[in-house]
Amino acid sequence: MTTKNDPIENKAREHFGDRKYFIIEKEVFLGTPRYSIHKGKMYDITSATRILLALDTLNDDREKYSYHLQEVDKGLLPLVLTDEVEEKEQSEMPF
């Protein structure tokens, strides 16, 4: 496990910032590729790289399965409401 003082993780965080990544699993079945998001989760670059490496290492059937990183579009990230926005929504509507 890494700590906050890990120089590699600090360098990665400095370079990549708070970007999130999906691990895309590609499965070829009967000649047709199918894509899915591994565990339906987003990861920071350090975790995503470690998981991707582990999946690739354990992959016995490289013809059928492959794994890829995809940066998450910021438009897909949930918005966090502030107290100010929540208070305005609770007031009566003008119409």
PDB file of N, CA and C in Angstrom:
ATOM      1  N   MET A   1       0.835  -1.180   0.000  1.00  0.00           N
ATOM      2  CA  MET A   1       0.000   0.000   0.000  1.00  0.00           C
ATOM      3  C   MET A   1       0.881   1.245   0.000  1.00  0.00           C
ATOM      4  N   THR A   2       0.332   2.306  -0.544  1.00  0.00           N
ATOM      5  CA  THR A   2       1.091   3.547  -0.587  1.00  0.00           C
ATOM      6  C   THR A   2       0.620   4.478   0.513  1.00  0.00           C
ATOM      7  N   THR A   3       1.466   5.416   0.824  1.00  0.00           N
ATOM      8  CA  THR A   3       1.127   6.412   1.826  1.00  0.00           C
ATOM      9  C   THR A   3       1.134   7.782   1.173  1.00  0.00           C
ATOM     10  N   LYS A   4       0.734   8.778   1.924  1.00  0.00           N
ATOM     11  CA  LYS A   4       0.720  10.146   1.413  1.00  0.00           C
ATOM     12  C   LYS A   4       2.129  10.629   1.070  1.00  0.00           C
ATOM     13  N   ASN A   5       3.153  10.034   1.671  1.00  0.00           N
ATOM     14  CA  ASN A   5       4.528  10.457   1.442  1.00  0.00           C
ATOM     15  C   ASN A   5       5.217   9.672   0.332  1.00  0.00           C
ATOM     16  N   ASP A   6       4.487   8.815  -0.363  1.00  0.00           N
ATOM     17  CA  ASP A   6       5.060   8.029  -1.448  1.00  0.00           C
ATOM     18  C   ASP A   6       5.413   8.959  -2.613  1.00  0.00           C
ATOM     19  N   PRO A   7       6.700   9.075  -2.975  1.00  0.00           N
ATOM     20  CA  PRO A   7       7.087  10.028  -4.025  1.00  0.00           C
ATOM     21  C   PRO A   7       6.501   9.688  -5.393  1.00  0.00           C
ATOM     22  N   ILE A   8       6.317   8.417  -5.694  1.00  0.00           N
ATOM     23  CA  ILE A   8       5.751   8.032  -6.994  1.00  0.00           C
ATOM     24  C   ILE A   8       4.289   8.443  -7.065  1.00  0.00           C
ATOM     25  N   GLU A   9       3.535   8.161  -6.016  1.00  0.00           N
ATOM     26  CA  GLU A   9       2.125   8.543  -6.011  1.00  0.00           C
ATOM     27  C   GLU A   9       1.961  10.057  -6.011  1.00  0.00           C
ATOM     28  N   ASN A  10       2.820  10.766  -5.292  1.00  0.00           N
ATOM     29  CA  ASN A  10       2.759  12.228  -5.278  1.00  0.00           C
ATOM     30  C   ASN A  10       3.044  12.790  -6.672  1.00  0.00           C
ATOM     31  N   LYS A  11       4.012  12.205  -7.366  1.00  0.00           N
ATOM     32  CA  LYS A  11       4.345  12.647  -8.721  1.00  0.00           C
ATOM     33  C   LYS A  11       3.180  12.375  -9.672  1.00  0.00           C
ATOM     34  N   ALA A  12       2.556  11.208  -9.540  1.00  0.00           N
ATOM     35  CA  ALA A  12       1.402  10.871 -10.381  1.00  0.00           C
ATOM     36  C   ALA A  12       0.249  11.826 -10.113  1.00  0.00           C
ATOM     37  N   ARG A  13      -0.014  12.115  -8.842  1.00  0.00           N
ATOM     38  CA  ARG A  13      -1.102  13.027  -8.483  1.00  0.00           C
ATOM     39  C   ARG A  13      -0.806  14.434  -9.017  1.00  0.00           C
ATOM     40  N   GLU A  14       0.459  14.849  -8.959  1.00  0.00           N
ATOM     41  CA  GLU A  14       0.857  16.161  -9.463  1.00  0.00           C
ATOM     42  C   GLU A  14       0.630  16.251 -10.967  1.00  0.00           C
ATOM     43  N   HIS A  15       0.978  15.185 -11.674  1.00  0.00           N
ATOM     44  CA  HIS A  15       0.860  15.183 -13.141  1.00  0.00           C
ATOM     45  C   HIS A  15      -0.583  14.988 -13.608  1.00  0.00           C
ATOM     46  N   PHE A  16      -1.301  14.019 -13.018  1.00  0.00           N
ATOM     47  CA  PHE A  16      -2.646  13.670 -13.479  1.00  0.00           C
ATOM     48  C   PHE A  16      -3.749  14.401 -12.726  1.00  0.00           C
ATOM     49  N   GLY A  17      -3.444  15.004 -11.600  1.00  0.00           N
ATOM     50  CA  GLY A  17      -4.454  15.726 -10.839  1.00  0.00           C
ATOM     51  C   GLY A  17      -5.508  14.783 -10.273  1.00  0.00           C
ATOM     52  N   ASP A  18      -6.734  15.246 -10.264  1.00  0.00           N
ATOM     53  CA  ASP A  18      -7.840  14.460  -9.710  1.00  0.00           C
ATOM     54  C   ASP A  18      -8.604  13.693 -10.781  1.00  0.00           C
ATOM     55  N   ARG A  19      -8.000  13.461 -11.913  1.00  0.00           N
ATOM     56  CA  ARG A  19      -8.692  12.735 -12.990  1.00  0.00           C
ATOM     57  C   ARG A  19      -9.041  11.329 -12.528  1.00  0.00           C
ATOM     58  N   LYS A  20     -10.149  10.837 -13.028  1.00  0.00           N
ATOM     59  CA  LYS A  20     -10.595   9.480 -12.732  1.00  0.00           C
ATOM     60  C   LYS A  20     -10.570   8.666 -14.024  1.00  0.00           C
ATOM     61  N   TYR A  21     -10.416   7.355 -13.857  1.00  0.00           N
ATOM     62  CA  TYR A  21     -10.298   6.458 -15.010  1.00  0.00           C
ATOM     63  C   TYR A  21     -11.190   5.236 -14.835  1.00  0.00           C
ATOM     64  N   PHE A  22     -11.728   4.774 -15.960  1.00  0.00           N
ATOM     65  CA  PHE A  22     -12.417   3.486 -16.017  1.00  0.00           C
ATOM     66  C   PHE A  22     -11.419   2.463 -16.543  1.00  0.00           C
ATOM     67  N   ILE A  23     -11.562   1.228 -16.103  1.00  0.00           N
ATOM     68  CA  ILE A  23     -10.846   0.113 -16.715  1.00  0.00           C
ATOM     69  C   ILE A  23     -11.865  -0.564 -17.621  1.00  0.00           C
ATOM     70  N   ILE A  24     -11.608  -0.519 -18.908  1.00  0.00           N
ATOM     71  CA  ILE A  24     -12.521  -1.089 -19.893  1.00  0.00           C
ATOM     72  C   ILE A  24     -12.087  -2.523 -20.187  1.00  0.00           C
ATOM     73  N   GLU A  25     -13.038  -3.441 -20.037  1.00  0.00           N
ATOM     74  CA  GLU A  25     -12.769  -4.844 -20.355  1.00  0.00           C
ATOM     75  C   GLU A  25     -13.365  -5.140 -21.731  1.00  0.00           C
ATOM     76  N   LYS A  26     -12.536  -5.620 -22.622  1.00  0.00           N
ATOM     77  CA  LYS A  26     -12.987  -6.011 -23.956  1.00  0.00           C
ATOM     78  C   LYS A  26     -13.021  -7.527 -24.016  1.00  0.00           C
ATOM     79  N   GLU A  27     -14.198  -8.064 -24.314  1.00  0.00           N
ATOM     80  CA  GLU A  27     -14.364  -9.506 -24.456  1.00  0.00           C
ATOM     81  C   GLU A  27     -14.825  -9.798 -25.875  1.00  0.00           C
ATOM     82  N   VAL A  28     -14.103 -10.663 -26.561  1.00  0.00           N
ATOM     83  CA  VAL A  28     -14.485 -11.050 -27.915  1.00  0.00           C
ATOM     84  C   VAL A  28     -15.185 -12.400 -27.824  1.00  0.00           C
ATOM     85  N   PHE A  29     -16.477 -12.415 -28.215  1.00  0.00           N
ATOM     86  CA  PHE A  29     -17.278 -13.639 -28.155  1.00  0.00           C
ATOM     87  C   PHE A  29     -17.883 -13.871 -29.529  1.00  0.00           C
ATOM     88  N   LEU A  30     -17.591 -15.001 -30.118  1.00  0.00           N
ATOM     89  CA  LEU A  30     -18.044 -15.347 -31.461  1.00  0.00           C
ATOM     90  C   LEU A  30     -17.666 -14.282 -32.483  1.00  0.00           C
ATOM     91  N   GLY A  31     -16.469 -13.719 -32.315  1.00  0.00           N
ATOM     92  CA  GLY A  31     -15.955 -12.733 -33.256  1.00  0.00           C
ATOM     93  C   GLY A  31     -16.475 -11.318 -33.046  1.00  0.00           C
ATOM     94  N   THR A  32     -17.349 -11.120 -32.065  1.00  0.00           N
ATOM     95  CA  THR A  32     -17.919  -9.797 -31.816  1.00  0.00           C
ATOM     96  C   THR A  32     -17.394  -9.243 -30.493  1.00  0.00           C
ATOM     97  N   PRO A  33     -16.774  -8.061 -30.514  1.00  0.00           N
ATOM     98  CA  PRO A  33     -16.281  -7.492 -29.260  1.00  0.00           C
ATOM     99  C   PRO A  33     -17.404  -6.908 -28.417  1.00  0.00           C
ATOM    100  N   ARG A  34     -17.280  -7.067 -27.115  1.00  0.00           N
ATOM    101  CA  ARG A  34     -18.220  -6.492 -26.152  1.00  0.00           C
ATOM    102  C   ARG A  34     -17.382  -5.744 -25.119  1.00  0.00           C
ATOM    103  N   TYR A  35     -17.796  -4.527 -24.800  1.00  0.00           N
ATOM    104  CA  TYR A  35     -17.048  -3.687 -23.873  1.00  0.00           C
ATOM    105  C   TYR A  35     -17.851  -3.481 -22.593  1.00  0.00           C
ATOM    106  N   SER A  36     -17.158  -3.506 -21.450  1.00  0.00           N
ATOM    107  CA  SER A  36     -17.809  -3.227 -20.173  1.00  0.00           C
ATOM    108  C   SER A  36     -16.812  -2.537 -19.249  1.00  0.00           C
ATOM    109  N   ILE A  37     -17.363  -1.833 -18.261  1.00  0.00           N
ATOM    110  CA  ILE A  37     -16.524  -1.152 -17.281  1.00  0.00           C
ATOM    111  C   ILE A  37     -16.261  -2.118 -16.139  1.00  0.00           C
ATOM    112  N   HIS A  38     -14.998  -2.385 -15.867  1.00  0.00           N
ATOM    113  CA  HIS A  38     -14.605  -3.335 -14.826  1.00  0.00           C
ATOM    114  C   HIS A  38     -15.174  -2.891 -13.475  1.00  0.00           C
ATOM    115  N   LYS A  39     -15.990  -3.717 -12.873  1.00  0.00           N
ATOM    116  CA  LYS A  39     -16.626  -3.490 -11.575  1.00  0.00           C
ATOM    117  C   LYS A  39     -17.465  -2.218 -11.516  1.00  0.00           C
ATOM    118  N   GLY A  40     -17.685  -1.552 -12.651  1.00  0.00           N
ATOM    119  CA  GLY A  40     -18.519  -0.356 -12.680  1.00  0.00           C
ATOM    120  C   GLY A  40     -17.997   0.776 -11.818  1.00  0.00           C
ATOM    121  N   LYS A  41     -16.682   0.857 -11.648  1.00  0.00           N
ATOM    122  CA  LYS A  41     -16.092   1.855 -10.752  1.00  0.00           C
ATOM    123  C   LYS A  41     -15.103   2.753 -11.475  1.00  0.00           C
ATOM    124  N   MET A  42     -14.876   3.928 -10.881  1.00  0.00           N
ATOM    125  CA  MET A  42     -13.844   4.850 -11.337  1.00  0.00           C
ATOM    126  C   MET A  42     -12.657   4.739 -10.378  1.00  0.00           C
ATOM    127  N   TYR A  43     -11.466   4.932 -10.922  1.00  0.00           N
ATOM    128  CA  TYR A  43     -10.250   4.819 -10.116  1.00  0.00           C
ATOM    129  C   TYR A  43      -9.334   6.005 -10.380  1.00  0.00           C
ATOM    130  N   ASP A  44      -8.505   6.352  -9.391  1.00  0.00           N
ATOM    131  CA  ASP A  44      -7.432   7.308  -9.640  1.00  0.00           C
ATOM    132  C   ASP A  44      -6.370   6.587 -10.465  1.00  0.00           C
ATOM    133  N   ILE A  45      -5.423   7.334 -11.019  1.00  0.00           N
ATOM    134  CA  ILE A  45      -4.451   6.750 -11.948  1.00  0.00           C
ATOM    135  C   ILE A  45      -3.598   5.661 -11.311  1.00  0.00           C
ATOM    136  N   THR A  46      -3.228   5.835 -10.047  1.00  0.00           N
ATOM    137  CA  THR A  46      -2.380   4.842  -9.389  1.00  0.00           C
ATOM    138  C   THR A  46      -3.124   3.523  -9.211  1.00  0.00           C
ATOM    139  N   SER A  47      -4.338   3.586  -8.689  1.00  0.00           N
ATOM    140  CA  SER A  47      -5.138   2.366  -8.496  1.00  0.00           C
ATOM    141  C   SER A  47      -5.478   1.718  -9.828  1.00  0.00           C
ATOM    142  N   ALA A  48      -5.855   2.531 -10.807  1.00  0.00           N
ATOM    143  CA  ALA A  48      -6.219   1.992 -12.120  1.00  0.00           C
ATOM    144  C   ALA A  48      -5.047   1.263 -12.762  1.00  0.00           C
ATOM    145  N   THR A  49      -3.859   1.840 -12.654  1.00  0.00           N
ATOM    146  CA  THR A  49      -2.677   1.207 -13.245  1.00  0.00           C
ATOM    147  C   THR A  49      -2.354  -0.104 -12.550  1.00  0.00           C
ATOM    148  N   ARG A  50      -2.452  -0.128 -11.236  1.00  0.00           N
ATOM    149  CA  ARG A  50      -2.168  -1.361 -10.491  1.00  0.00           C
ATOM    150  C   ARG A  50      -3.175  -2.459 -10.828  1.00  0.00           C
ATOM    151  N   ILE A  51      -4.448  -2.105 -10.883  1.00  0.00           N
ATOM    152  CA  ILE A  51      -5.482  -3.096 -11.202  1.00  0.00           C
ATOM    153  C   ILE A  51      -5.317  -3.579 -12.633  1.00  0.00           C
ATOM    154  N   LEU A  52      -5.043  -2.661 -13.551  1.00  0.00           N
ATOM    155  CA  LEU A  52      -4.835  -3.026 -14.948  1.00  0.00           C
ATOM    156  C   LEU A  52      -3.663  -3.998 -15.091  1.00  0.00           C
ATOM    157  N   LEU A  53      -2.594  -3.729 -14.389  1.00  0.00           N
ATOM    158  CA  LEU A  53      -1.426  -4.622 -14.417  1.00  0.00           C
ATOM    159  C   LEU A  53      -1.768  -5.999 -13.857  1.00  0.00           C
ATOM    160  N   ALA A  54      -2.514  -6.028 -12.749  1.00  0.00           N
ATOM    161  CA  ALA A  54      -2.912  -7.310 -12.159  1.00  0.00           C
ATOM    162  C   ALA A  54      -3.833  -8.090 -13.098  1.00  0.00           C
ATOM    163  N   LEU A  55      -4.809  -7.413 -13.689  1.00  0.00           N
ATOM    164  CA  LEU A  55      -5.721  -8.092 -14.623  1.00  0.00           C
ATOM    165  C   LEU A  55      -4.966  -8.640 -15.822  1.00  0.00           C
ATOM    166  N   ASP A  56      -4.046  -7.849 -16.343  1.00  0.00           N
ATOM    167  CA  ASP A  56      -3.271  -8.290 -17.496  1.00  0.00           C
ATOM    168  C   ASP A  56      -2.363  -9.464 -17.148  1.00  0.00           C
ATOM    169  N   THR A  57      -1.800  -9.445 -15.949  1.00  0.00           N
ATOM    170  CA  THR A  57      -0.926 -10.538 -15.509  1.00  0.00           C
ATOM    171  C   THR A  57      -1.707 -11.836 -15.341  1.00  0.00           C
ATOM    172  N   LEU A  58      -2.916 -11.737 -14.809  1.00  0.00           N
ATOM    173  CA  LEU A  58      -3.737 -12.931 -14.563  1.00  0.00           C
ATOM    174  C   LEU A  58      -4.522 -13.395 -15.786  1.00  0.00           C
ATOM    175  N   ASN A  59      -4.488 -12.628 -16.847  1.00  0.00           N
ATOM    176  CA  ASN A  59      -5.260 -12.943 -18.046  1.00  0.00           C
ATOM    177  C   ASN A  59      -4.655 -14.146 -18.774  1.00  0.00           C
ATOM    178  N   ASP A  60      -5.383 -15.256 -18.773  1.00  0.00           N
ATOM    179  CA  ASP A  60      -4.920 -16.478 -19.442  1.00  0.00           C
ATOM    180  C   ASP A  60      -5.292 -16.513 -20.923  1.00  0.00           C
ATOM    181  N   ASP A  61      -6.354 -15.813 -21.299  1.00  0.00           N
ATOM    182  CA  ASP A  61      -6.858 -15.873 -22.666  1.00  0.00           C
ATOM    183  C   ASP A  61      -6.791 -14.492 -23.313  1.00  0.00           C
ATOM    184  N   ARG A  62      -5.621 -14.120 -23.796  1.00  0.00           N
ATOM    185  CA  ARG A  62      -5.416 -12.786 -24.368  1.00  0.00           C
ATOM    186  C   ARG A  62      -6.141 -12.602 -25.702  1.00  0.00           C
ATOM    187  N   GLU A  63      -6.506 -13.684 -26.364  1.00  0.00           N
ATOM    188  CA  GLU A  63      -7.271 -13.577 -27.607  1.00  0.00           C
ATOM    189  C   GLU A  63      -8.716 -13.152 -27.319  1.00  0.00           C
ATOM    190  N   LYS A  64      -9.222 -13.538 -26.159  1.00  0.00           N
ATOM    191  CA  LYS A  64     -10.621 -13.261 -25.821  1.00  0.00           C
ATOM    192  C   LYS A  64     -10.776 -11.996 -24.969  1.00  0.00           C
ATOM    193  N   TYR A  65      -9.864 -11.758 -24.031  1.00  0.00           N
ATOM    194  CA  TYR A  65      -9.993 -10.634 -23.103  1.00  0.00           C
ATOM    195  C   TYR A  65      -8.822  -9.672 -23.228  1.00  0.00           C
ATOM    196  N   SER A  66      -9.125  -8.380 -23.136  1.00  0.00           N
ATOM    197  CA  SER A  66      -8.080  -7.360 -23.023  1.00  0.00           C
ATOM    198  C   SER A  66      -8.637  -6.216 -22.173  1.00  0.00           C
ATOM    199  N   TYR A  67      -7.732  -5.444 -21.593  1.00  0.00           N
ATOM    200  CA  TYR A  67      -8.100  -4.374 -20.661  1.00  0.00           C
ATOM    201  C   TYR A  67      -7.435  -3.075 -21.086  1.00  0.00           C
ATOM    202  N   HIS A  68      -8.173  -1.963 -20.933  1.00  0.00           N
ATOM    203  CA  HIS A  68      -7.694  -0.663 -21.383  1.00  0.00           C
ATOM    204  C   HIS A  68      -8.124   0.409 -20.386  1.00  0.00           C
ATOM    205  N   LEU A  69      -7.352   1.484 -20.290  1.00  0.00           N
ATOM    206  CA  LEU A  69      -7.723   2.627 -19.448  1.00  0.00           C
ATOM    207  C   LEU A  69      -8.452   3.659 -20.291  1.00  0.00           C
ATOM    208  N   GLN A  70      -9.493   4.257 -19.704  1.00  0.00           N
ATOM    209  CA  GLN A  70     -10.225   5.338 -20.361  1.00  0.00           C
ATOM    210  C   GLN A  70     -10.487   6.433 -19.339  1.00  0.00           C
ATOM    211  N   GLU A  71     -10.063   7.641 -19.649  1.00  0.00           N
ATOM    212  CA  GLU A  71     -10.311   8.758 -18.734  1.00  0.00           C
ATOM    213  C   GLU A  71     -11.811   9.041 -18.680  1.00  0.00           C
ATOM    214  N   VAL A  72     -12.317   9.310 -17.486  1.00  0.00           N
ATOM    215  CA  VAL A  72     -13.728   9.601 -17.295  1.00  0.00           C
ATOM    216  C   VAL A  72     -14.005  11.028 -17.750  1.00  0.00           C
ATOM    217  N   ASP A  73     -15.027  11.189 -18.567  1.00  0.00           N
ATOM    218  CA  ASP A  73     -15.464  12.507 -19.002  1.00  0.00           C
ATOM    219  C   ASP A  73     -16.021  13.254 -17.798  1.00  0.00           C
ATOM    220  N   LYS A  74     -15.556  14.460 -17.563  1.00  0.00           N
ATOM    221  CA  LYS A  74     -15.997  15.222 -16.392  1.00  0.00           C
ATOM    222  C   LYS A  74     -17.508  15.460 -16.394  1.00  0.00           C
ATOM    223  N   GLY A  75     -18.139  15.397 -17.540  1.00  0.00           N
ATOM    224  CA  GLY A  75     -19.595  15.543 -17.624  1.00  0.00           C
ATOM    225  C   GLY A  75     -20.330  14.374 -16.993  1.00  0.00           C
ATOM    226  N   LEU A  76     -19.663  13.254 -16.812  1.00  0.00           N
ATOM    227  CA  LEU A  76     -20.283  12.079 -16.198  1.00  0.00           C
ATOM    228  C   LEU A  76     -20.172  12.075 -14.682  1.00  0.00           C
ATOM    229  N   LEU A  77     -19.309  12.939 -14.139  1.00  0.00           N
ATOM    230  CA  LEU A  77     -19.115  12.968 -12.689  1.00  0.00           C
ATOM    231  C   LEU A  77     -20.314  13.625 -12.015  1.00  0.00           C
ATOM    232  N   PRO A  78     -20.737  13.104 -10.864  1.00  0.00           N
ATOM    233  CA  PRO A  78     -21.890  13.694 -10.182  1.00  0.00           C
ATOM    234  C   PRO A  78     -21.548  15.076  -9.633  1.00  0.00           C
ATOM    235  N   LEU A  79     -22.542  15.955  -9.658  1.00  0.00           N
ATOM    236  CA  LEU A  79     -22.358  17.291  -9.103  1.00  0.00           C
ATOM    237  C   LEU A  79     -22.587  17.240  -7.602  1.00  0.00           C
ATOM    238  N   VAL A  80     -21.809  18.010  -6.866  1.00  0.00           N
ATOM    239  CA  VAL A  80     -21.962  18.095  -5.422  1.00  0.00           C
ATOM    240  C   VAL A  80     -22.673  19.407  -5.124  1.00  0.00           C
ATOM    241  N   LEU A  81     -23.835  19.320  -4.480  1.00  0.00           N
ATOM    242  CA  LEU A  81     -24.602  20.511  -4.154  1.00  0.00           C
ATOM    243  C   LEU A  81     -24.032  21.181  -2.917  1.00  0.00           C
ATOM    244  N   THR A  82     -24.012  22.480  -2.941  1.00  0.00           N
ATOM    245  CA  THR A  82     -23.581  23.240  -1.770  1.00  0.00           C
ATOM    246  C   THR A  82     -24.809  23.583  -0.941  1.00  0.00           C
ATOM    247  N   ASP A  83     -24.605  24.034   0.261  1.00  0.00           N
ATOM    248  CA  ASP A  83     -25.720  24.422   1.124  1.00  0.00           C
ATOM    249  C   ASP A  83     -26.531  25.544   0.493  1.00  0.00           C
ATOM    250  N   GLU A  84     -25.873  26.465  -0.187  1.00  0.00           N
ATOM    251  CA  GLU A  84     -26.556  27.591  -0.815  1.00  0.00           C
ATOM    252  C   GLU A  84     -27.544  27.113  -1.869  1.00  0.00           C
ATOM    253  N   VAL A  85     -27.155  26.171  -2.699  1.00  0.00           N
ATOM    254  CA  VAL A  85     -28.027  25.648  -3.748  1.00  0.00           C
ATOM    255  C   VAL A  85     -29.188  24.893  -3.118  1.00  0.00           C
ATOM    256  N   GLU A  86     -28.940  24.093  -2.110  1.00  0.00           N
ATOM    257  CA  GLU A  86     -30.003  23.332  -1.455  1.00  0.00           C
ATOM    258  C   GLU A  86     -31.040  24.252  -0.827  1.00  0.00           C
ATOM    259  N   GLU A  87     -30.614  25.375  -0.225  1.00  0.00           N
ATOM    260  CA  GLU A  87     -31.552  26.311   0.396  1.00  0.00           C
ATOM    261  C   GLU A  87     -32.431  26.968  -0.653  1.00  0.00           C
ATOM    262  N   LYS A  88     -31.876  27.327  -1.799  1.00  0.00           N
ATOM    263  CA  LYS A  88     -32.656  27.969  -2.854  1.00  0.00           C
ATOM    264  C   LYS A  88     -33.696  27.021  -3.421  1.00  0.00           C
ATOM    265  N   GLU A  89     -33.371  25.752  -3.563  1.00  0.00           N
ATOM    266  CA  GLU A  89     -34.311  24.787  -4.122  1.00  0.00           C
ATOM    267  C   GLU A  89     -35.473  24.520  -3.175  1.00  0.00           C
ATOM    268  N   GLN A  90     -35.279  24.696  -1.895  1.00  0.00           N
ATOM    269  CA  GLN A  90     -36.344  24.428  -0.933  1.00  0.00           C
ATOM    270  C   GLN A  90     -37.319  25.586  -0.814  1.00  0.00           C
ATOM    271  N   SER A  91     -36.961  26.776  -1.297  1.00  0.00           N
ATOM    272  CA  SER A  91     -37.887  27.904  -1.223  1.00  0.00           C
ATOM    273  C   SER A  91     -38.993  27.732  -2.266  1.00  0.00           C
ATOM    274  N   GLU A  92     -40.048  28.522  -2.128  1.00  0.00           N
ATOM    275  CA  GLU A  92     -41.180  28.400  -3.052  1.00  0.00           C
ATOM    276  C   GLU A  92     -40.793  28.875  -4.425  1.00  0.00           C
ATOM    277  N   MET A  93     -41.407  28.264  -5.414  1.00  0.00           N
ATOM    278  CA  MET A  93     -41.153  28.629  -6.799  1.00  0.00           C
ATOM    279  C   MET A  93     -41.956  29.877  -7.141  1.00  0.00           C
ATOM    280  N   PRO A  94     -41.455  30.776  -7.993  1.00  0.00           N
ATOM    281  CA  PRO A  94     -42.125  32.037  -8.294  1.00  0.00           C
ATOM    282  C   PRO A  94     -43.376  31.904  -9.146  1.00  0.00           C
ATOM    283  N   PHE A  95     -43.707  30.758  -9.650  1.00  0.00           N
ATOM    284  CA  PHE A  95     -44.894  30.643 -10.514  1.00  0.00           C
ATOM    285  C   PHE A  95     -45.987  29.841  -9.900  1.00  0.00           C
TER     286      PHE A  95
END
